[in-house]
Amino acid sequence: MIIRSKAPFRVSFGGGGTDMAPYCIEHGGCVISTTIDRHVYLTLKPRQDKKIRVFSSNLNREFIFNIGDKDYSTEFELFKGIINVLEVKDGFDIFFYSELPAGSGMGG
């Protein structure tokens, strides 16, 4: 089974960052935001091993790690953390593409 997903980017008009830990835990948070007509696309394909392969076509970068790897000093550590928190059992390839460039200030 192949899973495909599309999500719009969010632009904050005020309060951006107050909805992220640890700030929101310590002080609460309130953000005024909306989505825009630009998206990020993801495709997930199962693997037959215990490896996770993350590929960004925008960055032209690939990162491969084993399920359960807790070394968070490398690129794509957010993906690794999510996989470990969700206790994923089977490997997969995940490809993502953003309509906005990284560092654009628009959520990309």
PDB file of N, CA and C in Angstrom:
ATOM      1  N   MET A   1       0.842  -1.171   0.000  1.00  0.00           N
ATOM      2  CA  MET A   1       0.000   0.000   0.000  1.00  0.00           C
ATOM      3  C   MET A   1       0.893   1.243   0.000  1.00  0.00           C
ATOM      4  N   ILE A   2       0.561   2.197  -0.815  1.00  0.00           N
ATOM      5  CA  ILE A   2       1.245   3.484  -0.852  1.00  0.00           C
ATOM      6  C   ILE A   2       0.290   4.530  -0.290  1.00  0.00           C
ATOM      7  N   ILE A   3       0.792   5.362   0.604  1.00  0.00           N
ATOM      8  CA  ILE A   3      -0.022   6.418   1.215  1.00  0.00           C
ATOM      9  C   ILE A   3       0.501   7.758   0.715  1.00  0.00           C
ATOM     10  N   ARG A   4      -0.420   8.599   0.264  1.00  0.00           N
ATOM     11  CA  ARG A   4      -0.055   9.945  -0.191  1.00  0.00           C
ATOM     12  C   ARG A   4      -0.817  10.972   0.645  1.00  0.00           C
ATOM     13  N   SER A   5      -0.156  12.075   0.930  1.00  0.00           N
ATOM     14  CA  SER A   5      -0.757  13.109   1.762  1.00  0.00           C
ATOM     15  C   SER A   5      -0.372  14.483   1.225  1.00  0.00           C
ATOM     16  N   LYS A   6      -1.251  15.442   1.446  1.00  0.00           N
ATOM     17  CA  LYS A   6      -1.027  16.828   1.039  1.00  0.00           C
ATOM     18  C   LYS A   6      -1.542  17.709   2.168  1.00  0.00           C
ATOM     19  N   ALA A   7      -0.722  18.669   2.612  1.00  0.00           N
ATOM     20  CA  ALA A   7      -1.135  19.563   3.697  1.00  0.00           C
ATOM     21  C   ALA A   7      -0.749  20.994   3.347  1.00  0.00           C
ATOM     22  N   PRO A   8      -1.639  21.948   3.656  1.00  0.00           N
ATOM     23  CA  PRO A   8      -1.324  23.347   3.362  1.00  0.00           C
ATOM     24  C   PRO A   8      -0.352  23.925   4.390  1.00  0.00           C
ATOM     25  N   PHE A   9       0.405  24.925   3.967  1.00  0.00           N
ATOM     26  CA  PHE A   9       1.261  25.653   4.892  1.00  0.00           C
ATOM     27  C   PHE A   9       0.428  26.632   5.692  1.00  0.00           C
ATOM     28  N   ARG A  10       0.928  26.968   6.875  1.00  0.00           N
ATOM     29  CA  ARG A  10       0.267  27.899   7.778  1.00  0.00           C
ATOM     30  C   ARG A  10       1.118  29.153   7.893  1.00  0.00           C
ATOM     31  N   VAL A  11       0.468  30.288   7.862  1.00  0.00           N
ATOM     32  CA  VAL A  11       1.132  31.571   8.084  1.00  0.00           C
ATOM     33  C   VAL A  11       0.528  32.183   9.338  1.00  0.00           C
ATOM     34  N   SER A  12       1.385  32.587  10.276  1.00  0.00           N
ATOM     35  CA  SER A  12       0.930  33.205  11.525  1.00  0.00           C
ATOM     36  C   SER A  12       0.959  34.724  11.391  1.00  0.00           C
ATOM     37  N   PHE A  13      -0.120  35.355  11.818  1.00  0.00           N
ATOM     38  CA  PHE A  13      -0.194  36.814  11.817  1.00  0.00           C
ATOM     39  C   PHE A  13       0.228  37.385  13.166  1.00  0.00           C
ATOM     40  N   GLY A  14       0.080  36.586  14.200  1.00  0.00           N
ATOM     41  CA  GLY A  14       0.465  37.015  15.538  1.00  0.00           C
ATOM     42  C   GLY A  14       0.529  35.833  16.472  1.00  0.00           C
ATOM     43  N   GLY A  15       1.488  35.860  17.371  1.00  0.00           N
ATOM     44  CA  GLY A  15       1.615  34.805  18.370  1.00  0.00           C
ATOM     45  C   GLY A  15       2.390  33.596  17.902  1.00  0.00           C
ATOM     46  N   GLY A  16       2.950  33.663  16.704  1.00  0.00           N
ATOM     47  CA  GLY A  16       3.701  32.529  16.176  1.00  0.00           C
ATOM     48  C   GLY A  16       4.794  32.089  17.131  1.00  0.00           C
ATOM     49  N   GLY A  17       4.862  30.809  17.383  1.00  0.00           N
ATOM     50  CA  GLY A  17       5.844  30.265  18.307  1.00  0.00           C
ATOM     51  C   GLY A  17       5.302  30.051  19.700  1.00  0.00           C
ATOM     52  N   THR A  18       4.209  30.739  20.052  1.00  0.00           N
ATOM     53  CA  THR A  18       3.653  30.537  21.394  1.00  0.00           C
ATOM     54  C   THR A  18       2.877  29.228  21.495  1.00  0.00           C
ATOM     55  N   ASP A  19       2.684  28.549  20.369  1.00  0.00           N
ATOM     56  CA  ASP A  19       1.982  27.263  20.380  1.00  0.00           C
ATOM     57  C   ASP A  19       2.964  26.089  20.386  1.00  0.00           C
ATOM     58  N   MET A  20       4.238  26.372  20.636  1.00  0.00           N
ATOM     59  CA  MET A  20       5.255  25.324  20.637  1.00  0.00           C
ATOM     60  C   MET A  20       5.876  25.193  22.024  1.00  0.00           C
ATOM     61  N   ALA A  21       6.156  23.935  22.399  1.00  0.00           N
ATOM     62  CA  ALA A  21       6.820  23.679  23.681  1.00  0.00           C
ATOM     63  C   ALA A  21       8.251  24.199  23.611  1.00  0.00           C
ATOM     64  N   PRO A  22       8.794  24.663  24.701  1.00  0.00           N
ATOM     65  CA  PRO A  22       8.232  24.643  26.047  1.00  0.00           C
ATOM     66  C   PRO A  22       7.376  25.865  26.369  1.00  0.00           C
ATOM     67  N   TYR A  23       7.362  26.867  25.465  1.00  0.00           N
ATOM     68  CA  TYR A  23       6.649  28.111  25.765  1.00  0.00           C
ATOM     69  C   TYR A  23       5.186  27.869  26.118  1.00  0.00           C
ATOM     70  N   CYS A  24       4.468  27.113  25.289  1.00  0.00           N
ATOM     71  CA  CYS A  24       3.029  26.931  25.523  1.00  0.00           C
ATOM     72  C   CYS A  24       2.762  26.165  26.814  1.00  0.00           C
ATOM     73  N   ILE A  25       3.668  25.292  27.228  1.00  0.00           N
ATOM     74  CA  ILE A  25       3.490  24.543  28.473  1.00  0.00           C
ATOM     75  C   ILE A  25       3.643  25.474  29.668  1.00  0.00           C
ATOM     76  N   GLU A  26       4.614  26.373  29.586  1.00  0.00           N
ATOM     77  CA  GLU A  26       4.897  27.269  30.702  1.00  0.00           C
ATOM     78  C   GLU A  26       3.980  28.485  30.751  1.00  0.00           C
ATOM     79  N   HIS A  27       3.549  28.994  29.598  1.00  0.00           N
ATOM     80  CA  HIS A  27       2.818  30.259  29.561  1.00  0.00           C
ATOM     81  C   HIS A  27       1.479  30.200  28.835  1.00  0.00           C
ATOM     82  N   GLY A  28       1.156  29.083  28.222  1.00  0.00           N
ATOM     83  CA  GLY A  28      -0.017  29.031  27.356  1.00  0.00           C
ATOM     84  C   GLY A  28       0.344  29.631  26.009  1.00  0.00           C
ATOM     85  N   GLY A  29      -0.545  29.545  25.079  1.00  0.00           N
ATOM     86  CA  GLY A  29      -0.239  30.077  23.759  1.00  0.00           C
ATOM     87  C   GLY A  29      -1.493  30.479  23.018  1.00  0.00           C
ATOM     88  N   CYS A  30      -1.338  31.426  22.129  1.00  0.00           N
ATOM     89  CA  CYS A  30      -2.447  31.872  21.302  1.00  0.00           C
ATOM     90  C   CYS A  30      -1.875  32.386  19.986  1.00  0.00           C
ATOM     91  N   VAL A  31      -2.318  31.794  18.894  1.00  0.00           N
ATOM     92  CA  VAL A  31      -1.808  32.159  17.579  1.00  0.00           C
ATOM     93  C   VAL A  31      -2.973  32.499  16.664  1.00  0.00           C
ATOM     94  N   ILE A  32      -2.833  33.576  15.921  1.00  0.00           N
ATOM     95  CA  ILE A  32      -3.788  33.901  14.869  1.00  0.00           C
ATOM     96  C   ILE A  32      -3.104  33.542  13.561  1.00  0.00           C
ATOM     97  N   SER A  33      -3.684  32.577  12.858  1.00  0.00           N
ATOM     98  CA  SER A  33      -3.032  32.089  11.642  1.00  0.00           C
ATOM     99  C   SER A  33      -4.062  31.650  10.612  1.00  0.00           C
ATOM    100  N   THR A  34      -3.574  31.381   9.432  1.00  0.00           N
ATOM    101  CA  THR A  34      -4.406  30.845   8.359  1.00  0.00           C
ATOM    102  C   THR A  34      -3.530  29.960   7.484  1.00  0.00           C
ATOM    103  N   THR A  35      -4.158  29.176   6.649  1.00  0.00           N
ATOM    104  CA  THR A  35      -3.402  28.395   5.677  1.00  0.00           C
ATOM    105  C   THR A  35      -3.316  29.186   4.378  1.00  0.00           C
ATOM    106  N   ILE A  36      -2.337  28.819   3.563  1.00  0.00           N
ATOM    107  CA  ILE A  36      -2.172  29.472   2.265  1.00  0.00           C
ATOM    108  C   ILE A  36      -2.241  28.415   1.169  1.00  0.00           C
ATOM    109  N   ASP A  37      -2.299  28.870  -0.054  1.00  0.00           N
ATOM    110  CA  ASP A  37      -2.437  27.966  -1.198  1.00  0.00           C
ATOM    111  C   ASP A  37      -1.076  27.436  -1.665  1.00  0.00           C
ATOM    112  N   ARG A  38      -0.296  26.953  -0.725  1.00  0.00           N
ATOM    113  CA  ARG A  38       0.973  26.269  -0.987  1.00  0.00           C
ATOM    114  C   ARG A  38       1.000  25.057  -0.067  1.00  0.00           C
ATOM    115  N   HIS A  39       1.551  23.955  -0.557  1.00  0.00           N
ATOM    116  CA  HIS A  39       1.421  22.691   0.165  1.00  0.00           C
ATOM    117  C   HIS A  39       2.734  21.936   0.284  1.00  0.00           C
ATOM    118  N   VAL A  40       2.735  20.977   1.186  1.00  0.00           N
ATOM    119  CA  VAL A  40       3.794  19.981   1.271  1.00  0.00           C
ATOM    120  C   VAL A  40       3.138  18.640   0.940  1.00  0.00           C
ATOM    121  N   TYR A  41       3.836  17.833   0.170  1.00  0.00           N
ATOM    122  CA  TYR A  41       3.329  16.536  -0.283  1.00  0.00           C
ATOM    123  C   TYR A  41       4.217  15.433   0.283  1.00  0.00           C
ATOM    124  N   LEU A  42       3.601  14.356   0.753  1.00  0.00           N
ATOM    125  CA  LEU A  42       4.344  13.213   1.267  1.00  0.00           C
ATOM    126  C   LEU A  42       3.842  11.935   0.627  1.00  0.00           C
ATOM    127  N   THR A  43       4.754  11.030   0.362  1.00  0.00           N
ATOM    128  CA  THR A  43       4.419   9.692  -0.121  1.00  0.00           C
ATOM    129  C   THR A  43       5.139   8.695   0.772  1.00  0.00           C
ATOM    130  N   LEU A  44       4.413   7.722   1.275  1.00  0.00           N
ATOM    131  CA  LEU A  44       4.966   6.706   2.161  1.00  0.00           C
ATOM    132  C   LEU A  44       4.796   5.340   1.520  1.00  0.00           C
ATOM    133  N   LYS A  45       5.897   4.594   1.425  1.00  0.00           N
ATOM    134  CA  LYS A  45       5.875   3.252   0.838  1.00  0.00           C
ATOM    135  C   LYS A  45       6.501   2.270   1.822  1.00  0.00           C
ATOM    136  N   PRO A  46       5.829   1.154   2.121  1.00  0.00           N
ATOM    137  CA  PRO A  46       6.383   0.160   3.050  1.00  0.00           C
ATOM    138  C   PRO A  46       7.667  -0.468   2.511  1.00  0.00           C
ATOM    139  N   ARG A  47       8.515  -0.908   3.438  1.00  0.00           N
ATOM    140  CA  ARG A  47       9.746  -1.630   3.123  1.00  0.00           C
ATOM    141  C   ARG A  47       9.658  -3.026   3.736  1.00  0.00           C
ATOM    142  N   GLN A  48      10.568  -3.888   3.349  1.00  0.00           N
ATOM    143  CA  GLN A  48      10.603  -5.250   3.869  1.00  0.00           C
ATOM    144  C   GLN A  48      11.643  -5.408   4.981  1.00  0.00           C
ATOM    145  N   ASP A  49      12.196  -4.299   5.470  1.00  0.00           N
ATOM    146  CA  ASP A  49      13.193  -4.369   6.537  1.00  0.00           C
ATOM    147  C   ASP A  49      12.808  -3.390   7.644  1.00  0.00           C
ATOM    148  N   LYS A  50      13.714  -3.114   8.545  1.00  0.00           N
ATOM    149  CA  LYS A  50      13.450  -2.224   9.684  1.00  0.00           C
ATOM    150  C   LYS A  50      14.125  -0.867   9.502  1.00  0.00           C
ATOM    151  N   LYS A  51      14.270  -0.451   8.265  1.00  0.00           N
ATOM    152  CA  LYS A  51      14.903   0.835   7.968  1.00  0.00           C
ATOM    153  C   LYS A  51      13.855   1.872   7.570  1.00  0.00           C
ATOM    154  N   ILE A  52      14.146   3.109   7.928  1.00  0.00           N
ATOM    155  CA  ILE A  52      13.338   4.249   7.504  1.00  0.00           C
ATOM    156  C   ILE A  52      14.217   5.064   6.558  1.00  0.00           C
ATOM    157  N   ARG A  53      13.699   5.355   5.383  1.00  0.00           N
ATOM    158  CA  ARG A  53      14.415   6.182   4.408  1.00  0.00           C
ATOM    159  C   ARG A  53      13.604   7.448   4.196  1.00  0.00           C
ATOM    160  N   VAL A  54      14.205   8.588   4.489  1.00  0.00           N
ATOM    161  CA  VAL A  54      13.562   9.889   4.325  1.00  0.00           C
ATOM    162  C   VAL A  54      14.267  10.598   3.178  1.00  0.00           C
ATOM    163  N   PHE A  55      13.491  11.069   2.210  1.00  0.00           N
ATOM    164  CA  PHE A  55      14.082  11.774   1.071  1.00  0.00           C
ATOM    165  C   PHE A  55      13.332  13.069   0.816  1.00  0.00           C
ATOM    166  N   SER A  56      14.072  14.161   0.709  1.00  0.00           N
ATOM    167  CA  SER A  56      13.511  15.463   0.364  1.00  0.00           C
ATOM    168  C   SER A  56      13.981  15.834  -1.031  1.00  0.00           C
ATOM    169  N   SER A  57      13.041  15.957  -1.961  1.00  0.00           N
ATOM    170  CA  SER A  57      13.429  16.350  -3.317  1.00  0.00           C
ATOM    171  C   SER A  57      13.848  17.816  -3.365  1.00  0.00           C
ATOM    172  N   ASN A  58      13.294  18.657  -2.484  1.00  0.00           N
ATOM    173  CA  ASN A  58      13.687  20.069  -2.446  1.00  0.00           C
ATOM    174  C   ASN A  58      15.144  20.229  -2.024  1.00  0.00           C
ATOM    175  N   LEU A  59      15.528  19.489  -1.012  1.00  0.00           N
ATOM    176  CA  LEU A  59      16.884  19.593  -0.483  1.00  0.00           C
ATOM    177  C   LEU A  59      17.846  18.641  -1.181  1.00  0.00           C
ATOM    178  N   ASN A  60      17.289  17.742  -1.998  1.00  0.00           N
ATOM    179  CA  ASN A  60      18.062  16.690  -2.653  1.00  0.00           C
ATOM    180  C   ASN A  60      18.918  15.944  -1.628  1.00  0.00           C
ATOM    181  N   ARG A  61      18.255  15.569  -0.522  1.00  0.00           N
ATOM    182  CA  ARG A  61      18.933  14.878   0.570  1.00  0.00           C
ATOM    183  C   ARG A  61      18.172  13.619   0.931  1.00  0.00           C
ATOM    184  N   GLU A  62      18.940  12.618   1.315  1.00  0.00           N
ATOM    185  CA  GLU A  62      18.376  11.344   1.749  1.00  0.00           C
ATOM    186  C   GLU A  62      18.986  11.001   3.103  1.00  0.00           C
ATOM    187  N   PHE A  63      18.146  10.441   3.968  1.00  0.00           N
ATOM    188  CA  PHE A  63      18.590  10.045   5.299  1.00  0.00           C
ATOM    189  C   PHE A  63      18.004   8.673   5.581  1.00  0.00           C
ATOM    190  N   ILE A  64      18.837   7.730   5.964  1.00  0.00           N
ATOM    191  CA  ILE A  64      18.379   6.372   6.266  1.00  0.00           C
ATOM    192  C   ILE A  64      18.799   6.027   7.685  1.00  0.00           C
ATOM    193  N   PHE A  65      17.858   5.482   8.464  1.00  0.00           N
ATOM    194  CA  PHE A  65      18.183   5.042   9.816  1.00  0.00           C
ATOM    195  C   PHE A  65      17.366   3.808  10.162  1.00  0.00           C
ATOM    196  N   ASN A  66      17.799   3.107  11.197  1.00  0.00           N
ATOM    197  CA  ASN A  66      17.102   1.918  11.671  1.00  0.00           C
ATOM    198  C   ASN A  66      16.047   2.310  12.688  1.00  0.00           C
ATOM    199  N   ILE A  67      14.928   1.607  12.687  1.00  0.00           N
ATOM    200  CA  ILE A  67      13.892   1.826  13.694  1.00  0.00           C
ATOM    201  C   ILE A  67      14.525   1.619  15.069  1.00  0.00           C
ATOM    202  N   GLY A  68      14.247   2.526  15.995  1.00  0.00           N
ATOM    203  CA  GLY A  68      14.792   2.442  17.344  1.00  0.00           C
ATOM    204  C   GLY A  68      16.075   3.229  17.542  1.00  0.00           C
ATOM    205  N   ASP A  69      16.676   3.728  16.465  1.00  0.00           N
ATOM    206  CA  ASP A  69      17.896   4.532  16.562  1.00  0.00           C
ATOM    207  C   ASP A  69      17.565   5.829  17.293  1.00  0.00           C
ATOM    208  N   LYS A  70      18.282   6.116  18.364  1.00  0.00           N
ATOM    209  CA  LYS A  70      17.980   7.295  19.169  1.00  0.00           C
ATOM    210  C   LYS A  70      19.089   8.355  19.109  1.00  0.00           C
ATOM    211  N   ASP A  71      19.926   8.304  18.080  1.00  0.00           N
ATOM    212  CA  ASP A  71      20.941   9.339  17.873  1.00  0.00           C
ATOM    213  C   ASP A  71      20.267  10.510  17.159  1.00  0.00           C
ATOM    214  N   TYR A  72      20.039  11.597  17.901  1.00  0.00           N
ATOM    215  CA  TYR A  72      19.318  12.737  17.343  1.00  0.00           C
ATOM    216  C   TYR A  72      20.248  13.871  16.920  1.00  0.00           C
ATOM    217  N   SER A  73      21.494  13.556  16.601  1.00  0.00           N
ATOM    218  CA  SER A  73      22.456  14.598  16.241  1.00  0.00           C
ATOM    219  C   SER A  73      22.608  14.749  14.729  1.00  0.00           C
ATOM    220  N   THR A  74      21.706  14.156  13.968  1.00  0.00           N
ATOM    221  CA  THR A  74      21.830  14.173  12.517  1.00  0.00           C
ATOM    222  C   THR A  74      20.660  14.910  11.877  1.00  0.00           C
ATOM    223  N   GLU A  75      20.739  15.097  10.563  1.00  0.00           N
ATOM    224  CA  GLU A  75      19.636  15.720   9.835  1.00  0.00           C
ATOM    225  C   GLU A  75      18.380  14.859   9.941  1.00  0.00           C
ATOM    226  N   PHE A  76      17.256  15.460   9.727  1.00  0.00           N
ATOM    227  CA  PHE A  76      15.957  14.792   9.744  1.00  0.00           C
ATOM    228  C   PHE A  76      15.657  14.167  11.107  1.00  0.00           C
ATOM    229  N   GLU A  77      16.233  14.722  12.176  1.00  0.00           N
ATOM    230  CA  GLU A  77      16.002  14.152  13.497  1.00  0.00           C
ATOM    231  C   GLU A  77      14.540  14.255  13.923  1.00  0.00           C
ATOM    232  N   LEU A  78      13.795  15.223  13.382  1.00  0.00           N
ATOM    233  CA  LEU A  78      12.370  15.313  13.689  1.00  0.00           C
ATOM    234  C   LEU A  78      11.655  14.040  13.255  1.00  0.00           C
ATOM    235  N   PHE A  79      11.949  13.560  12.048  1.00  0.00           N
ATOM    236  CA  PHE A  79      11.337  12.316  11.573  1.00  0.00           C
ATOM    237  C   PHE A  79      11.696  11.154  12.490  1.00  0.00           C
ATOM    238  N   LYS A  80      12.958  11.074  12.880  1.00  0.00           N
ATOM    239  CA  LYS A  80      13.407   9.980  13.744  1.00  0.00           C
ATOM    240  C   LYS A  80      12.672  10.022  15.089  1.00  0.00           C
ATOM    241  N   GLY A  81      12.531  11.204  15.661  1.00  0.00           N
ATOM    242  CA  GLY A  81      11.823  11.345  16.929  1.00  0.00           C
ATOM    243  C   GLY A  81      10.368  10.923  16.825  1.00  0.00           C
ATOM    244  N   ILE A  82       9.701  11.326  15.743  1.00  0.00           N
ATOM    245  CA  ILE A  82       8.296  10.946  15.538  1.00  0.00           C
ATOM    246  C   ILE A  82       8.166   9.438  15.410  1.00  0.00           C
ATOM    247  N   ILE A  83       9.042   8.814  14.628  1.00  0.00           N
ATOM    248  CA  ILE A  83       9.008   7.365  14.431  1.00  0.00           C
ATOM    249  C   ILE A  83       9.174   6.652  15.766  1.00  0.00           C
ATOM    250  N   ASN A  84      10.096   7.123  16.603  1.00  0.00           N
ATOM    251  CA  ASN A  84      10.327   6.478  17.893  1.00  0.00           C
ATOM    252  C   ASN A  84       9.170   6.687  18.859  1.00  0.00           C
ATOM    253  N   VAL A  85       8.588   7.872  18.888  1.00  0.00           N
ATOM    254  CA  VAL A  85       7.445   8.129  19.769  1.00  0.00           C
ATOM    255  C   VAL A  85       6.250   7.265  19.365  1.00  0.00           C
ATOM    256  N   LEU A  86       6.037   7.107  18.061  1.00  0.00           N
ATOM    257  CA  LEU A  86       4.914   6.296  17.575  1.00  0.00           C
ATOM    258  C   LEU A  86       5.185   4.795  17.658  1.00  0.00           C
ATOM    259  N   GLU A  87       6.411   4.420  18.027  1.00  0.00           N
ATOM    260  CA  GLU A  87       6.803   3.012  18.149  1.00  0.00           C
ATOM    261  C   GLU A  87       6.514   2.227  16.870  1.00  0.00           C
ATOM    262  N   VAL A  88       6.934   2.791  15.754  1.00  0.00           N
ATOM    263  CA  VAL A  88       6.768   2.151  14.446  1.00  0.00           C
ATOM    264  C   VAL A  88       7.515   0.823  14.440  1.00  0.00           C
ATOM    265  N   LYS A  89       6.901  -0.209  13.885  1.00  0.00           N
ATOM    266  CA  LYS A  89       7.479  -1.563  13.881  1.00  0.00           C
ATOM    267  C   LYS A  89       8.104  -1.946  12.546  1.00  0.00           C
ATOM    268  N   ASP A  90       7.577  -1.441  11.440  1.00  0.00           N
ATOM    269  CA  ASP A  90       8.034  -1.839  10.112  1.00  0.00           C
ATOM    270  C   ASP A  90       8.624  -0.652   9.367  1.00  0.00           C
ATOM    271  N   GLY A  91       9.635  -0.931   8.551  1.00  0.00           N
ATOM    272  CA  GLY A  91      10.304   0.117   7.805  1.00  0.00           C
ATOM    273  C   GLY A  91       9.467   0.672   6.664  1.00  0.00           C
ATOM    274  N   PHE A  92       9.846   1.864   6.211  1.00  0.00           N
ATOM    275  CA  PHE A  92       9.172   2.485   5.071  1.00  0.00           C
ATOM    276  C   PHE A  92      10.060   3.564   4.475  1.00  0.00           C
ATOM    277  N   ASP A  93       9.750   3.931   3.252  1.00  0.00           N
ATOM    278  CA  ASP A  93      10.354   5.076   2.582  1.00  0.00           C
ATOM    279  C   ASP A  93       9.358   6.218   2.659  1.00  0.00           C
ATOM    280  N   ILE A  94       9.828   7.406   2.976  1.00  0.00           N
ATOM    281  CA  ILE A  94       8.958   8.578   2.964  1.00  0.00           C
ATOM    282  C   ILE A  94       9.640   9.658   2.126  1.00  0.00           C
ATOM    283  N   PHE A  95       8.914  10.124   1.131  1.00  0.00           N
ATOM    284  CA  PHE A  95       9.401  11.148   0.212  1.00  0.00           C
ATOM    285  C   PHE A  95       8.571  12.404   0.436  1.00  0.00           C
ATOM    286  N   PHE A  96       9.228  13.548   0.539  1.00  0.00           N
ATOM    287  CA  PHE A  96       8.432  14.763   0.669  1.00  0.00           C
ATOM    288  C   PHE A  96       8.939  15.861  -0.246  1.00  0.00           C
ATOM    289  N   TYR A  97       7.978  16.685  -0.656  1.00  0.00           N
ATOM    290  CA  TYR A  97       8.233  17.809  -1.548  1.00  0.00           C
ATOM    291  C   TYR A  97       7.441  19.004  -1.041  1.00  0.00           C
ATOM    292  N   SER A  98       8.076  20.166  -1.005  1.00  0.00           N
ATOM    293  CA  SER A  98       7.436  21.386  -0.552  1.00  0.00           C
ATOM    294  C   SER A  98       7.320  22.373  -1.706  1.00  0.00           C
ATOM    295  N   GLU A  99       6.169  23.030  -1.802  1.00  0.00           N
ATOM    296  CA  GLU A  99       6.001  24.087  -2.801  1.00  0.00           C
ATOM    297  C   GLU A  99       6.702  25.376  -2.381  1.00  0.00           C
ATOM    298  N   LEU A 100       7.170  25.434  -1.143  1.00  0.00           N
ATOM    299  CA  LEU A 100       7.919  26.595  -0.659  1.00  0.00           C
ATOM    300  C   LEU A 100       9.341  26.169  -0.316  1.00  0.00           C
ATOM    301  N   PRO A 101      10.309  26.998  -0.629  1.00  0.00           N
ATOM    302  CA  PRO A 101      11.694  26.633  -0.311  1.00  0.00           C
ATOM    303  C   PRO A 101      11.987  26.761   1.183  1.00  0.00           C
ATOM    304  N   ALA A 102      12.881  25.915   1.675  1.00  0.00           N
ATOM    305  CA  ALA A 102      13.327  26.007   3.064  1.00  0.00           C
ATOM    306  C   ALA A 102      13.946  27.379   3.298  1.00  0.00           C
ATOM    307  N   GLY A 103      13.633  27.961   4.464  1.00  0.00           N
ATOM    308  CA  GLY A 103      14.201  29.261   4.801  1.00  0.00           C
ATOM    309  C   GLY A 103      13.498  30.444   4.175  1.00  0.00           C
ATOM    310  N   SER A 104      12.345  30.212   3.553  1.00  0.00           N
ATOM    311  CA  SER A 104      11.630  31.307   2.882  1.00  0.00           C
ATOM    312  C   SER A 104      10.890  32.211   3.855  1.00  0.00           C
ATOM    313  N   GLY A 105      10.751  31.765   5.109  1.00  0.00           N
ATOM    314  CA  GLY A 105       9.984  32.542   6.071  1.00  0.00           C
ATOM    315  C   GLY A 105       8.490  32.332   5.921  1.00  0.00           C
ATOM    316  N   MET A 106       8.106  31.402   5.065  1.00  0.00           N
ATOM    317  CA  MET A 106       6.687  31.130   4.820  1.00  0.00           C
ATOM    318  C   MET A 106       6.313  29.715   5.262  1.00  0.00           C
ATOM    319  N   GLY A 107       7.025  29.191   6.241  1.00  0.00           N
ATOM    320  CA  GLY A 107       6.695  27.863   6.740  1.00  0.00           C
ATOM    321  C   GLY A 107       7.382  26.746   5.990  1.00  0.00           C
ATOM    322  N   GLY A 108       8.209  27.051   5.013  1.00  0.00           N
ATOM    323  CA  GLY A 108       8.860  26.030   4.193  1.00  0.00           C
ATOM    324  C   GLY A 108      10.122  25.485   4.787  1.00  0.00           C
TER     325      GLY A 108
END
